[in-house]
């Protein structure tokens, strides 16, 4: 990819910028890509999210502030996100499944996991 910006101007205006590693993000996902693989996965990881200010979210970088710049080429995408976590109050583990449709509406389900009670 080429740009019209001189490298010395870019460094002055933006500081050191590189394709970062997902593991550096405080809300690390299960993705473990670097460099161009990270950028490819980030750009392909957008899905509609009606609750987001931009109308989009990303499986690689949750709550990303950048809108989906390639949506006209890629189209809206659906997403299913599954999370397993401790239930509030320490009563065990719960599986949360959020399904985002092509319009960005979410349907969420919570299922307690048997045999995963925490000691209290």
PDB file of N, CA and C in Angstrom:
ATOM      1  N   UNK A   1       0.854  -1.157   0.000  1.00  0.00           N
ATOM      2  CA  UNK A   1       0.000   0.000   0.000  1.00  0.00           C
ATOM      3  C   UNK A   1       0.909   1.232   0.000  1.00  0.00           C
ATOM      4  N   UNK A   2       0.625   2.169  -0.857  1.00  0.00           N
ATOM      5  CA  UNK A   2       1.404   3.401  -0.890  1.00  0.00           C
ATOM      6  C   UNK A   2       0.505   4.567  -0.524  1.00  0.00           C
ATOM      7  N   UNK A   3       1.126   5.612   0.031  1.00  0.00           N
ATOM      8  CA  UNK A   3       0.384   6.801   0.428  1.00  0.00           C
ATOM      9  C   UNK A   3       1.163   8.038  -0.006  1.00  0.00           C
ATOM     10  N   UNK A   4       0.509   9.174   0.015  1.00  0.00           N
ATOM     11  CA  UNK A   4       1.145  10.418  -0.398  1.00  0.00           C
ATOM     12  C   UNK A   4       1.846  11.125   0.753  1.00  0.00           C
ATOM     13  N   UNK A   5       1.814  10.552   1.938  1.00  0.00           N
ATOM     14  CA  UNK A   5       2.427  11.164   3.114  1.00  0.00           C
ATOM     15  C   UNK A   5       3.896  10.750   3.209  1.00  0.00           C
ATOM     16  N   UNK A   6       4.748  11.713   3.487  1.00  0.00           N
ATOM     17  CA  UNK A   6       6.161  11.394   3.679  1.00  0.00           C
ATOM     18  C   UNK A   6       6.338  10.713   5.028  1.00  0.00           C
ATOM     19  N   UNK A   7       7.213   9.698   5.136  1.00  0.00           N
ATOM     20  CA  UNK A   7       7.424   8.987   6.395  1.00  0.00           C
ATOM     21  C   UNK A   7       7.805   9.910   7.555  1.00  0.00           C
ATOM     22  N   UNK A   8       8.605  10.937   7.295  1.00  0.00           N
ATOM     23  CA  UNK A   8       8.986  11.845   8.377  1.00  0.00           C
ATOM     24  C   UNK A   8       7.800  12.668   8.880  1.00  0.00           C
ATOM     25  N   UNK A   9       6.864  13.014   7.966  1.00  0.00           N
ATOM     26  CA  UNK A   9       5.641  13.701   8.393  1.00  0.00           C
ATOM     27  C   UNK A   9       4.763  12.770   9.222  1.00  0.00           C
ATOM     28  N   UNK A  10       4.642  11.530   8.793  1.00  0.00           N
ATOM     29  CA  UNK A  10       3.832  10.559   9.523  1.00  0.00           C
ATOM     30  C   UNK A  10       4.355  10.376  10.939  1.00  0.00           C
ATOM     31  N   UNK A  11       5.671  10.278  11.094  1.00  0.00           N
ATOM     32  CA  UNK A  11       6.257  10.103  12.422  1.00  0.00           C
ATOM     33  C   UNK A  11       5.990  11.333  13.288  1.00  0.00           C
ATOM     34  N   UNK A  12       6.098  12.513  12.709  1.00  0.00           N
ATOM     35  CA  UNK A  12       5.858  13.751  13.438  1.00  0.00           C
ATOM     36  C   UNK A  12       4.390  13.860  13.863  1.00  0.00           C
ATOM     37  N   UNK A  13       3.463  13.559  12.948  1.00  0.00           N
ATOM     38  CA  UNK A  13       2.045  13.730  13.215  1.00  0.00           C
ATOM     39  C   UNK A  13       1.457  12.629  14.082  1.00  0.00           C
ATOM     40  N   UNK A  14       1.898  11.384  13.868  1.00  0.00           N
ATOM     41  CA  UNK A  14       1.262  10.243  14.520  1.00  0.00           C
ATOM     42  C   UNK A  14       2.166   9.477  15.479  1.00  0.00           C
ATOM     43  N   UNK A  15       3.442   9.796  15.517  1.00  0.00           N
ATOM     44  CA  UNK A  15       4.366   9.026  16.341  1.00  0.00           C
ATOM     45  C   UNK A  15       4.647   7.691  15.679  1.00  0.00           C
ATOM     46  N   UNK A  16       5.145   6.742  16.449  1.00  0.00           N
ATOM     47  CA  UNK A  16       5.449   5.428  15.903  1.00  0.00           C
ATOM     48  C   UNK A  16       4.162   4.613  15.825  1.00  0.00           C
ATOM     49  N   UNK A  17       3.786   4.226  14.633  1.00  0.00           N
ATOM     50  CA  UNK A  17       2.581   3.446  14.418  1.00  0.00           C
ATOM     51  C   UNK A  17       2.969   2.174  13.677  1.00  0.00           C
ATOM     52  N   UNK A  18       2.469   1.055  14.144  1.00  0.00           N
ATOM     53  CA  UNK A  18       2.722  -0.205  13.453  1.00  0.00           C
ATOM     54  C   UNK A  18       1.519  -1.116  13.624  1.00  0.00           C
ATOM     55  N   UNK A  19       1.496  -2.161  12.836  1.00  0.00           N
ATOM     56  CA  UNK A  19       0.440  -3.165  12.988  1.00  0.00           C
ATOM     57  C   UNK A  19       0.727  -3.901  14.279  1.00  0.00           C
ATOM     58  N   UNK A  20      -0.124  -3.694  15.257  1.00  0.00           N
ATOM     59  CA  UNK A  20       0.157  -4.198  16.585  1.00  0.00           C
ATOM     60  C   UNK A  20      -0.273  -5.638  16.773  1.00  0.00           C
ATOM     61  N   UNK A  21       0.034  -6.157  17.912  1.00  0.00           N
ATOM     62  CA  UNK A  21      -0.284  -7.531  18.293  1.00  0.00           C
ATOM     63  C   UNK A  21      -1.524  -7.508  19.166  1.00  0.00           C
ATOM     64  N   UNK A  22      -2.484  -8.367  18.897  1.00  0.00           N
ATOM     65  CA  UNK A  22      -3.732  -8.378  19.644  1.00  0.00           C
ATOM     66  C   UNK A  22      -3.482  -8.600  21.127  1.00  0.00           C
ATOM     67  N   UNK A  23      -2.461  -9.365  21.472  1.00  0.00           N
ATOM     68  CA  UNK A  23      -2.168  -9.645  22.868  1.00  0.00           C
ATOM     69  C   UNK A  23      -1.846  -8.397  23.665  1.00  0.00           C
ATOM     70  N   UNK A  24      -1.512  -7.290  22.982  1.00  0.00           N
ATOM     71  CA  UNK A  24      -1.217  -6.033  23.667  1.00  0.00           C
ATOM     72  C   UNK A  24      -2.487  -5.309  24.091  1.00  0.00           C
ATOM     73  N   UNK A  25      -3.626  -5.721  23.567  1.00  0.00           N
ATOM     74  CA  UNK A  25      -4.887  -5.064  23.884  1.00  0.00           C
ATOM     75  C   UNK A  25      -5.381  -5.562  25.242  1.00  0.00           C
ATOM     76  N   UNK A  26      -5.841  -4.649  26.121  1.00  0.00           N
ATOM     77  CA  UNK A  26      -6.283  -5.075  27.451  1.00  0.00           C
ATOM     78  C   UNK A  26      -7.468  -6.030  27.423  1.00  0.00           C
ATOM     79  N   UNK A  27      -8.257  -5.998  26.362  1.00  0.00           N
ATOM     80  CA  UNK A  27      -9.396  -6.908  26.242  1.00  0.00           C
ATOM     81  C   UNK A  27      -9.055  -7.966  25.202  1.00  0.00           C
ATOM     82  N   UNK A  28      -7.970  -8.673  25.418  1.00  0.00           N
ATOM     83  CA  UNK A  28      -7.458  -9.642  24.463  1.00  0.00           C
ATOM     84  C   UNK A  28      -8.521 -10.650  24.050  1.00  0.00           C
ATOM     85  N   UNK A  29      -8.546 -10.949  22.773  1.00  0.00           N
ATOM     86  CA  UNK A  29      -9.456 -11.960  22.261  1.00  0.00           C
ATOM     87  C   UNK A  29      -8.669 -13.245  22.050  1.00  0.00           C
ATOM     88  N   UNK A  30      -9.323 -14.246  21.498  1.00  0.00           N
ATOM     89  CA  UNK A  30      -8.642 -15.511  21.252  1.00  0.00           C
ATOM     90  C   UNK A  30      -7.791 -15.448  19.994  1.00  0.00           C
ATOM     91  N   UNK A  31      -7.849 -14.353  19.259  1.00  0.00           N
ATOM     92  CA  UNK A  31      -7.040 -14.217  18.059  1.00  0.00           C
ATOM     93  C   UNK A  31      -5.608 -13.893  18.450  1.00  0.00           C
ATOM     94  N   UNK A  32      -4.666 -14.435  17.728  1.00  0.00           N
ATOM     95  CA  UNK A  32      -3.257 -14.208  18.040  1.00  0.00           C
ATOM     96  C   UNK A  32      -2.500 -13.935  16.745  1.00  0.00           C
ATOM     97  N   UNK A  33      -2.850 -12.829  16.072  1.00  0.00           N
ATOM     98  CA  UNK A  33      -2.240 -12.488  14.806  1.00  0.00           C
ATOM     99  C   UNK A  33      -1.332 -11.278  14.960  1.00  0.00           C
ATOM    100  N   UNK A  34      -0.364 -11.157  14.061  1.00  0.00           N
ATOM    101  CA  UNK A  34       0.544 -10.014  14.056  1.00  0.00           C
ATOM    102  C   UNK A  34       0.584  -9.406  12.653  1.00  0.00           C
ATOM    103  N   UNK A  35       1.026  -8.165  12.583  1.00  0.00           N
ATOM    104  CA  UNK A  35       1.305  -7.515  11.302  1.00  0.00           C
ATOM    105  C   UNK A  35       0.150  -7.551  10.324  1.00  0.00           C
ATOM    106  N   UNK A  36       0.446  -7.964   9.097  1.00  0.00           N
ATOM    107  CA  UNK A  36      -0.573  -7.959   8.044  1.00  0.00           C
ATOM    108  C   UNK A  36      -1.699  -8.941   8.338  1.00  0.00           C
ATOM    109  N   UNK A  37      -1.407 -10.059   9.007  1.00  0.00           N
ATOM    110  CA  UNK A  37      -2.465 -10.999   9.379  1.00  0.00           C
ATOM    111  C   UNK A  37      -3.442 -10.340  10.345  1.00  0.00           C
ATOM    112  N   UNK A  38      -2.906  -9.543  11.273  1.00  0.00           N
ATOM    113  CA  UNK A  38      -3.762  -8.826  12.223  1.00  0.00           C
ATOM    114  C   UNK A  38      -4.661  -7.840  11.477  1.00  0.00           C
ATOM    115  N   UNK A  39      -4.079  -7.051  10.570  1.00  0.00           N
ATOM    116  CA  UNK A  39      -4.866  -6.062   9.836  1.00  0.00           C
ATOM    117  C   UNK A  39      -5.943  -6.734   8.994  1.00  0.00           C
ATOM    118  N   UNK A  40      -5.597  -7.820   8.326  1.00  0.00           N
ATOM    119  CA  UNK A  40      -6.571  -8.555   7.519  1.00  0.00           C
ATOM    120  C   UNK A  40      -7.725  -9.039   8.393  1.00  0.00           C
ATOM    121  N   UNK A  41      -7.391  -9.657   9.525  1.00  0.00           N
ATOM    122  CA  UNK A  41      -8.408 -10.195  10.413  1.00  0.00           C
ATOM    123  C   UNK A  41      -9.247  -9.084  11.024  1.00  0.00           C
ATOM    124  N   UNK A  42      -8.606  -7.967  11.394  1.00  0.00           N
ATOM    125  CA  UNK A  42      -9.339  -6.820  11.929  1.00  0.00           C
ATOM    126  C   UNK A  42     -10.350  -6.298  10.909  1.00  0.00           C
ATOM    127  N   UNK A  43      -9.916  -6.089   9.675  1.00  0.00           N
ATOM    128  CA  UNK A  43     -10.803  -5.542   8.660  1.00  0.00           C
ATOM    129  C   UNK A  43     -11.918  -6.515   8.282  1.00  0.00           C
ATOM    130  N   UNK A  44     -11.696  -7.807   8.422  1.00  0.00           N
ATOM    131  CA  UNK A  44     -12.718  -8.808   8.115  1.00  0.00           C
ATOM    132  C   UNK A  44     -13.602  -9.134   9.320  1.00  0.00           C
ATOM    133  N   UNK A  45     -13.255  -8.600  10.517  1.00  0.00           N
ATOM    134  CA  UNK A  45     -13.947  -8.958  11.739  1.00  0.00           C
ATOM    135  C   UNK A  45     -15.095  -8.054  12.140  1.00  0.00           C
ATOM    136  N   UNK A  46     -15.504  -7.153  11.276  1.00  0.00           N
ATOM    137  CA  UNK A  46     -16.606  -6.247  11.607  1.00  0.00           C
ATOM    138  C   UNK A  46     -17.956  -6.935  11.497  1.00  0.00           C
ATOM    139  N   UNK A  47     -18.882  -6.531  12.356  1.00  0.00           N
ATOM    140  CA  UNK A  47     -20.264  -6.982  12.280  1.00  0.00           C
ATOM    141  C   UNK A  47     -21.159  -5.834  12.736  1.00  0.00           C
ATOM    142  N   UNK A  48     -22.427  -5.855  12.297  1.00  0.00           N
ATOM    143  CA  UNK A  48     -23.377  -4.811  12.671  1.00  0.00           C
ATOM    144  C   UNK A  48     -23.676  -4.897  14.160  1.00  0.00           C
ATOM    145  N   UNK A  49     -23.713  -3.735  14.829  1.00  0.00           N
ATOM    146  CA  UNK A  49     -24.046  -3.657  16.251  1.00  0.00           C
ATOM    147  C   UNK A  49     -24.821  -2.364  16.456  1.00  0.00           C
ATOM    148  N   UNK A  50     -26.134  -2.482  16.557  1.00  0.00           N
ATOM    149  CA  UNK A  50     -27.006  -1.306  16.666  1.00  0.00           C
ATOM    150  C   UNK A  50     -26.738  -0.499  17.928  1.00  0.00           C
ATOM    151  N   UNK A  51     -26.145  -1.105  18.963  1.00  0.00           N
ATOM    152  CA  UNK A  51     -25.884  -0.382  20.210  1.00  0.00           C
ATOM    153  C   UNK A  51     -24.589   0.430  20.166  1.00  0.00           C
ATOM    154  N   UNK A  52     -23.781   0.238  19.138  1.00  0.00           N
ATOM    155  CA  UNK A  52     -22.512   0.956  19.006  1.00  0.00           C
ATOM    156  C   UNK A  52     -22.743   2.333  18.381  1.00  0.00           C
ATOM    157  N   UNK A  53     -21.975   3.350  18.797  1.00  0.00           N
ATOM    158  CA  UNK A  53     -22.140   4.688  18.204  1.00  0.00           C
ATOM    159  C   UNK A  53     -21.930   4.701  16.690  1.00  0.00           C
ATOM    160  N   UNK A  54     -21.049   3.841  16.173  1.00  0.00           N
ATOM    161  CA  UNK A  54     -20.787   3.803  14.737  1.00  0.00           C
ATOM    162  C   UNK A  54     -21.708   2.838  14.005  1.00  0.00           C
ATOM    163  N   UNK A  55     -22.434   1.991  14.759  1.00  0.00           N
ATOM    164  CA  UNK A  55     -23.278   0.983  14.138  1.00  0.00           C
ATOM    165  C   UNK A  55     -22.537  -0.306  13.827  1.00  0.00           C
ATOM    166  N   UNK A  56     -21.247  -0.347  14.199  1.00  0.00           N
ATOM    167  CA  UNK A  56     -20.402  -1.512  13.925  1.00  0.00           C
ATOM    168  C   UNK A  56     -19.627  -1.892  15.176  1.00  0.00           C
ATOM    169  N   UNK A  57     -19.210  -3.139  15.232  1.00  0.00           N
ATOM    170  CA  UNK A  57     -18.305  -3.615  16.269  1.00  0.00           C
ATOM    171  C   UNK A  57     -17.345  -4.584  15.604  1.00  0.00           C
ATOM    172  N   UNK A  58     -16.404  -5.124  16.368  1.00  0.00           N
ATOM    173  CA  UNK A  58     -15.378  -5.960  15.775  1.00  0.00           C
ATOM    174  C   UNK A  58     -15.015  -7.099  16.718  1.00  0.00           C
ATOM    175  N   UNK A  59     -14.912  -8.313  16.188  1.00  0.00           N
ATOM    176  CA  UNK A  59     -14.568  -9.464  17.021  1.00  0.00           C
ATOM    177  C   UNK A  59     -13.108  -9.436  17.453  1.00  0.00           C
ATOM    178  N   UNK A  60     -12.248  -8.774  16.697  1.00  0.00           N
ATOM    179  CA  UNK A  60     -10.828  -8.695  17.035  1.00  0.00           C
ATOM    180  C   UNK A  60     -10.572  -7.600  18.054  1.00  0.00           C
ATOM    181  N   UNK A  61     -11.232  -6.462  17.899  1.00  0.00           N
ATOM    182  CA  UNK A  61     -11.023  -5.298  18.750  1.00  0.00           C
ATOM    183  C   UNK A  61     -12.390  -4.829  19.241  1.00  0.00           C
ATOM    184  N   UNK A  62     -12.922  -5.459  20.307  1.00  0.00           N
ATOM    185  CA  UNK A  62     -14.264  -5.102  20.785  1.00  0.00           C
ATOM    186  C   UNK A  62     -14.385  -3.616  21.133  1.00  0.00           C
ATOM    187  N   UNK A  63     -15.539  -3.049  20.837  1.00  0.00           N
ATOM    188  CA  UNK A  63     -15.850  -1.633  21.076  1.00  0.00           C
ATOM    189  C   UNK A  63     -14.933  -0.695  20.301  1.00  0.00           C
ATOM    190  N   UNK A  64     -14.513  -1.125  19.140  1.00  0.00           N
ATOM    191  CA  UNK A  64     -13.641  -0.306  18.291  1.00  0.00           C
ATOM    192  C   UNK A  64     -14.359   0.981  17.911  1.00  0.00           C
ATOM    193  N   UNK A  65     -13.629   2.084  17.862  1.00  0.00           N
ATOM    194  CA  UNK A  65     -14.218   3.371  17.517  1.00  0.00           C
ATOM    195  C   UNK A  65     -14.235   3.626  16.020  1.00  0.00           C
ATOM    196  N   UNK A  66     -13.530   2.815  15.263  1.00  0.00           N
ATOM    197  CA  UNK A  66     -13.457   3.005  13.814  1.00  0.00           C
ATOM    198  C   UNK A  66     -14.631   2.301  13.137  1.00  0.00           C
ATOM    199  N   UNK A  67     -15.345   2.993  12.262  1.00  0.00           N
ATOM    200  CA  UNK A  67     -16.438   2.319  11.555  1.00  0.00           C
ATOM    201  C   UNK A  67     -15.884   1.333  10.524  1.00  0.00           C
ATOM    202  N   UNK A  68     -16.741   0.507  10.000  1.00  0.00           N
ATOM    203  CA  UNK A  68     -16.353  -0.499   9.007  1.00  0.00           C
ATOM    204  C   UNK A  68     -16.205   0.184   7.648  1.00  0.00           C
ATOM    205  N   UNK A  69     -14.982   0.498   7.271  1.00  0.00           N
ATOM    206  CA  UNK A  69     -14.730   1.267   6.055  1.00  0.00           C
ATOM    207  C   UNK A  69     -14.959   0.461   4.784  1.00  0.00           C
ATOM    208  N   UNK A  70     -15.020  -0.844   4.880  1.00  0.00           N
ATOM    209  CA  UNK A  70     -15.209  -1.685   3.691  1.00  0.00           C
ATOM    210  C   UNK A  70     -16.611  -2.303   3.618  1.00  0.00           C
ATOM    211  N   UNK A  71     -17.559  -1.777   4.383  1.00  0.00           N
ATOM    212  CA  UNK A  71     -18.864  -2.417   4.465  1.00  0.00           C
ATOM    213  C   UNK A  71     -19.593  -2.466   3.133  1.00  0.00           C
ATOM    214  N   UNK A  72     -19.389  -1.462   2.273  1.00  0.00           N
ATOM    215  CA  UNK A  72     -20.088  -1.472   0.988  1.00  0.00           C
ATOM    216  C   UNK A  72     -19.600  -2.610   0.099  1.00  0.00           C
ATOM    217  N   UNK A  73     -18.350  -3.003   0.260  1.00  0.00           N
ATOM    218  CA  UNK A  73     -17.817  -4.125  -0.511  1.00  0.00           C
ATOM    219  C   UNK A  73     -18.136  -5.462   0.156  1.00  0.00           C
ATOM    220  N   UNK A  74     -18.090  -5.477   1.476  1.00  0.00           N
ATOM    221  CA  UNK A  74     -18.276  -6.717   2.212  1.00  0.00           C
ATOM    222  C   UNK A  74     -19.741  -6.967   2.571  1.00  0.00           C
ATOM    223  N   UNK A  75     -20.503  -5.899   2.786  1.00  0.00           N
ATOM    224  CA  UNK A  75     -21.886  -6.027   3.207  1.00  0.00           C
ATOM    225  C   UNK A  75     -21.981  -6.257   4.704  1.00  0.00           C
ATOM    226  N   UNK A  76     -23.177  -6.075   5.267  1.00  0.00           N
ATOM    227  CA  UNK A  76     -23.337  -6.311   6.704  1.00  0.00           C
ATOM    228  C   UNK A  76     -23.159  -7.794   7.014  1.00  0.00           C
ATOM    229  N   UNK A  77     -22.573  -8.062   8.164  1.00  0.00           N
ATOM    230  CA  UNK A  77     -22.327  -9.446   8.553  1.00  0.00           C
ATOM    231  C   UNK A  77     -22.981  -9.739   9.886  1.00  0.00           C
ATOM    232  N   UNK A  78     -23.333 -10.991  10.066  1.00  0.00           N
ATOM    233  CA  UNK A  78     -23.882 -11.446  11.332  1.00  0.00           C
ATOM    234  C   UNK A  78     -22.731 -11.984  12.166  1.00  0.00           C
ATOM    235  N   UNK A  79     -22.933 -12.045  13.477  1.00  0.00           N
ATOM    236  CA  UNK A  79     -21.889 -12.570  14.356  1.00  0.00           C
ATOM    237  C   UNK A  79     -22.536 -13.294  15.529  1.00  0.00           C
ATOM    238  N   UNK A  80     -21.877 -14.361  15.962  1.00  0.00           N
ATOM    239  CA  UNK A  80     -22.263 -15.065  17.179  1.00  0.00           C
ATOM    240  C   UNK A  80     -21.061 -15.044  18.100  1.00  0.00           C
ATOM    241  N   UNK A  81     -21.228 -14.436  19.279  1.00  0.00           N
ATOM    242  CA  UNK A  81     -20.131 -14.287  20.227  1.00  0.00           C
ATOM    243  C   UNK A  81     -20.500 -15.038  21.503  1.00  0.00           C
ATOM    244  N   UNK A  82     -19.635 -15.965  21.875  1.00  0.00           N
ATOM    245  CA  UNK A  82     -19.863 -16.784  23.062  1.00  0.00           C
ATOM    246  C   UNK A  82     -18.823 -16.452  24.113  1.00  0.00           C
ATOM    247  N   UNK A  83     -19.288 -16.221  25.333  1.00  0.00           N
ATOM    248  CA  UNK A  83     -18.416 -15.884  26.452  1.00  0.00           C
ATOM    249  C   UNK A  83     -18.776 -16.776  27.633  1.00  0.00           C
ATOM    250  N   UNK A  84     -17.764 -17.292  28.315  1.00  0.00           N
ATOM    251  CA  UNK A  84     -17.976 -18.050  29.541  1.00  0.00           C
ATOM    252  C   UNK A  84     -17.321 -17.257  30.656  1.00  0.00           C
ATOM    253  N   UNK A  85     -18.087 -16.979  31.710  1.00  0.00           N
ATOM    254  CA  UNK A  85     -17.559 -16.164  32.803  1.00  0.00           C
ATOM    255  C   UNK A  85     -18.188 -16.548  34.132  1.00  0.00           C
ATOM    256  N   UNK A  86     -17.575 -16.047  35.205  1.00  0.00           N
ATOM    257  CA  UNK A  86     -18.149 -16.236  36.539  1.00  0.00           C
ATOM    258  C   UNK A  86     -19.408 -15.417  36.639  1.00  0.00           C
ATOM    259  N   UNK A  87     -20.448 -16.009  37.195  1.00  0.00           N
ATOM    260  CA  UNK A  87     -21.702 -15.303  37.383  1.00  0.00           C
ATOM    261  C   UNK A  87     -21.538 -14.276  38.496  1.00  0.00           C
ATOM    262  N   UNK A  88     -22.204 -13.160  38.372  1.00  0.00           N
ATOM    263  CA  UNK A  88     -22.146 -12.116  39.386  1.00  0.00           C
ATOM    264  C   UNK A  88     -22.632 -12.698  40.708  1.00  0.00           C
ATOM    265  N   UNK A  89     -21.895 -12.456  41.767  1.00  0.00           N
ATOM    266  CA  UNK A  89     -22.247 -12.998  43.069  1.00  0.00           C
ATOM    267  C   UNK A  89     -21.527 -14.299  43.385  1.00  0.00           C
ATOM    268  N   UNK A  90     -20.685 -14.769  42.452  1.00  0.00           N
ATOM    269  CA  UNK A  90     -19.894 -15.971  42.697  1.00  0.00           C
ATOM    270  C   UNK A  90     -20.690 -17.251  42.800  1.00  0.00           C
ATOM    271  N   UNK A  91     -21.805 -17.359  42.084  1.00  0.00           N
ATOM    272  CA  UNK A  91     -22.669 -18.534  42.182  1.00  0.00           C
ATOM    273  C   UNK A  91     -22.339 -19.607  41.154  1.00  0.00           C
ATOM    274  N   UNK A  92     -21.301 -19.453  40.394  1.00  0.00           N
ATOM    275  CA  UNK A  92     -20.931 -20.445  39.393  1.00  0.00           C
ATOM    276  C   UNK A  92     -20.530 -19.796  38.085  1.00  0.00           C
ATOM    277  N   UNK A  93     -20.520 -20.612  37.044  1.00  0.00           N
ATOM    278  CA  UNK A  93     -20.143 -20.139  35.721  1.00  0.00           C
ATOM    279  C   UNK A  93     -21.389 -20.039  34.848  1.00  0.00           C
ATOM    280  N   UNK A  94     -21.348 -19.126  33.888  1.00  0.00           N
ATOM    281  CA  UNK A  94     -22.465 -18.944  32.980  1.00  0.00           C
ATOM    282  C   UNK A  94     -21.915 -18.766  31.562  1.00  0.00           C
ATOM    283  N   UNK A  95     -22.616 -19.329  30.599  1.00  0.00           N
ATOM    284  CA  UNK A  95     -22.274 -19.158  29.187  1.00  0.00           C
ATOM    285  C   UNK A  95     -23.232 -18.124  28.615  1.00  0.00           C
ATOM    286  N   UNK A  96     -22.678 -17.072  28.031  1.00  0.00           N
ATOM    287  CA  UNK A  96     -23.478 -16.032  27.387  1.00  0.00           C
ATOM    288  C   UNK A  96     -23.243 -16.114  25.883  1.00  0.00           C
ATOM    289  N   UNK A  97     -24.323 -16.204  25.130  1.00  0.00           N
ATOM    290  CA  UNK A  97     -24.238 -16.249  23.675  1.00  0.00           C
ATOM    291  C   UNK A  97     -25.015 -15.053  23.132  1.00  0.00           C
ATOM    292  N   UNK A  98     -24.319 -14.199  22.392  1.00  0.00           N
ATOM    293  CA  UNK A  98     -24.941 -13.026  21.770  1.00  0.00           C
ATOM    294  C   UNK A  98     -24.919 -13.222  20.258  1.00  0.00           C
ATOM    295  N   UNK A  99     -26.081 -13.162  19.633  1.00  0.00           N
ATOM    296  CA  UNK A  99     -26.201 -13.321  18.192  1.00  0.00           C
ATOM    297  C   UNK A  99     -26.637 -11.979  17.608  1.00  0.00           C
ATOM    298  N   UNK A 100     -25.797 -11.402  16.756  1.00  0.00           N
ATOM    299  CA  UNK A 100     -26.078 -10.130  16.101  1.00  0.00           C
ATOM    300  C   UNK A 100     -26.549 -10.425  14.683  1.00  0.00           C
ATOM    301  N   UNK A 101     -27.746  -9.931  14.324  1.00  0.00           N
ATOM    302  CA  UNK A 101     -28.238 -10.159  12.970  1.00  0.00           C
ATOM    303  C   UNK A 101     -27.655  -9.108  12.018  1.00  0.00           C
ATOM    304  N   UNK A 102     -28.009  -9.202  10.740  1.00  0.00           N
ATOM    305  CA  UNK A 102     -27.438  -8.311   9.727  1.00  0.00           C
ATOM    306  C   UNK A 102     -27.812  -6.845   9.954  1.00  0.00           C
ATOM    307  N   UNK A 103     -28.885  -6.575  10.715  1.00  0.00           N
ATOM    308  CA  UNK A 103     -29.285  -5.197  11.024  1.00  0.00           C
ATOM    309  C   UNK A 103     -28.609  -4.684  12.292  1.00  0.00           C
ATOM    310  N   UNK A 104     -27.893  -5.570  13.010  1.00  0.00           N
ATOM    311  CA  UNK A 104     -27.199  -5.148  14.221  1.00  0.00           C
ATOM    312  C   UNK A 104     -27.968  -5.373  15.501  1.00  0.00           C
ATOM    313  N   UNK A 105     -29.134  -6.007  15.402  1.00  0.00           N
ATOM    314  CA  UNK A 105     -29.909  -6.310  16.603  1.00  0.00           C
ATOM    315  C   UNK A 105     -29.353  -7.558  17.265  1.00  0.00           C
ATOM    316  N   UNK A 106     -29.327  -7.555  18.585  1.00  0.00           N
ATOM    317  CA  UNK A 106     -28.727  -8.661  19.323  1.00  0.00           C
ATOM    318  C   UNK A 106     -29.781  -9.461  20.071  1.00  0.00           C
ATOM    319  N   UNK A 107     -29.593 -10.772  20.066  1.00  0.00           N
ATOM    320  CA  UNK A 107     -30.382 -11.685  20.882  1.00  0.00           C
ATOM    321  C   UNK A 107     -29.382 -12.385  21.788  1.00  0.00           C
ATOM    322  N   UNK A 108     -29.572 -12.254  23.096  1.00  0.00           N
ATOM    323  CA  UNK A 108     -28.610 -12.816  24.045  1.00  0.00           C
ATOM    324  C   UNK A 108     -29.278 -13.886  24.895  1.00  0.00           C
ATOM    325  N   UNK A 109     -28.520 -14.951  25.161  1.00  0.00           N
ATOM    326  CA  UNK A 109     -28.985 -16.004  26.058  1.00  0.00           C
ATOM    327  C   UNK A 109     -27.910 -16.276  27.096  1.00  0.00           C
ATOM    328  N   UNK A 110     -28.352 -16.610  28.305  1.00  0.00           N
ATOM    329  CA  UNK A 110     -27.437 -16.955  29.409  1.00  0.00           C
ATOM    330  C   UNK A 110     -27.813 -18.338  29.912  1.00  0.00           C
ATOM    331  N   UNK A 111     -26.809 -19.212  29.995  1.00  0.00           N
ATOM    332  CA  UNK A 111     -27.048 -20.574  30.458  1.00  0.00           C
ATOM    333  C   UNK A 111     -26.059 -20.906  31.574  1.00  0.00           C
ATOM    334  N   UNK A 112     -26.550 -21.258  32.762  1.00  0.00           N
ATOM    335  CA  UNK A 112     -25.630 -21.677  33.823  1.00  0.00           C
ATOM    336  C   UNK A 112     -24.933 -22.977  33.419  1.00  0.00           C
ATOM    337  N   UNK A 113     -23.675 -23.106  33.760  1.00  0.00           N
ATOM    338  CA  UNK A 113     -22.923 -24.313  33.456  1.00  0.00           C
ATOM    339  C   UNK A 113     -22.915 -25.226  34.675  1.00  0.00           C
ATOM    340  N   UNK A 114     -23.336 -26.437  34.490  1.00  0.00           N
ATOM    341  CA  UNK A 114     -23.397 -27.401  35.575  1.00  0.00           C
ATOM    342  C   UNK A 114     -22.000 -27.878  35.946  1.00  0.00           C
ATOM    343  N   UNK A 115     -21.779 -28.117  37.225  1.00  0.00           N
ATOM    344  CA  UNK A 115     -20.501 -28.655  37.680  1.00  0.00           C
ATOM    345  C   UNK A 115     -19.386 -27.637  37.772  1.00  0.00           C
ATOM    346  N   UNK A 116     -19.732 -26.364  37.682  1.00  0.00           N
ATOM    347  CA  UNK A 116     -18.720 -25.297  37.744  1.00  0.00           C
ATOM    348  C   UNK A 116     -19.019 -24.309  38.849  1.00  0.00           C
ATOM    349  N   UNK A 117     -19.602 -24.765  39.927  1.00  0.00           N
ATOM    350  CA  UNK A 117     -19.919 -23.867  41.041  1.00  0.00           C
ATOM    351  C   UNK A 117     -18.634 -23.454  41.732  1.00  0.00           C
ATOM    352  N   UNK A 118     -18.602 -22.214  42.170  1.00  0.00           N
ATOM    353  CA  UNK A 118     -17.431 -21.729  42.899  1.00  0.00           C
ATOM    354  C   UNK A 118     -17.635 -21.945  44.383  1.00  0.00           C
ATOM    355  N   UNK A 119     -16.557 -22.163  45.072  1.00  0.00           N
ATOM    356  CA  UNK A 119     -16.648 -22.374  46.511  1.00  0.00           C
ATOM    357  C   UNK A 119     -16.862 -21.050  47.199  1.00  0.00           C
ATOM    358  N   UNK A 120     -17.690 -21.009  48.197  1.00  0.00           N
ATOM    359  CA  UNK A 120     -17.976 -19.753  48.866  1.00  0.00           C
ATOM    360  C   UNK A 120     -17.840 -19.850  50.256  1.00  0.00           C
TER     361      UNK A 120
END
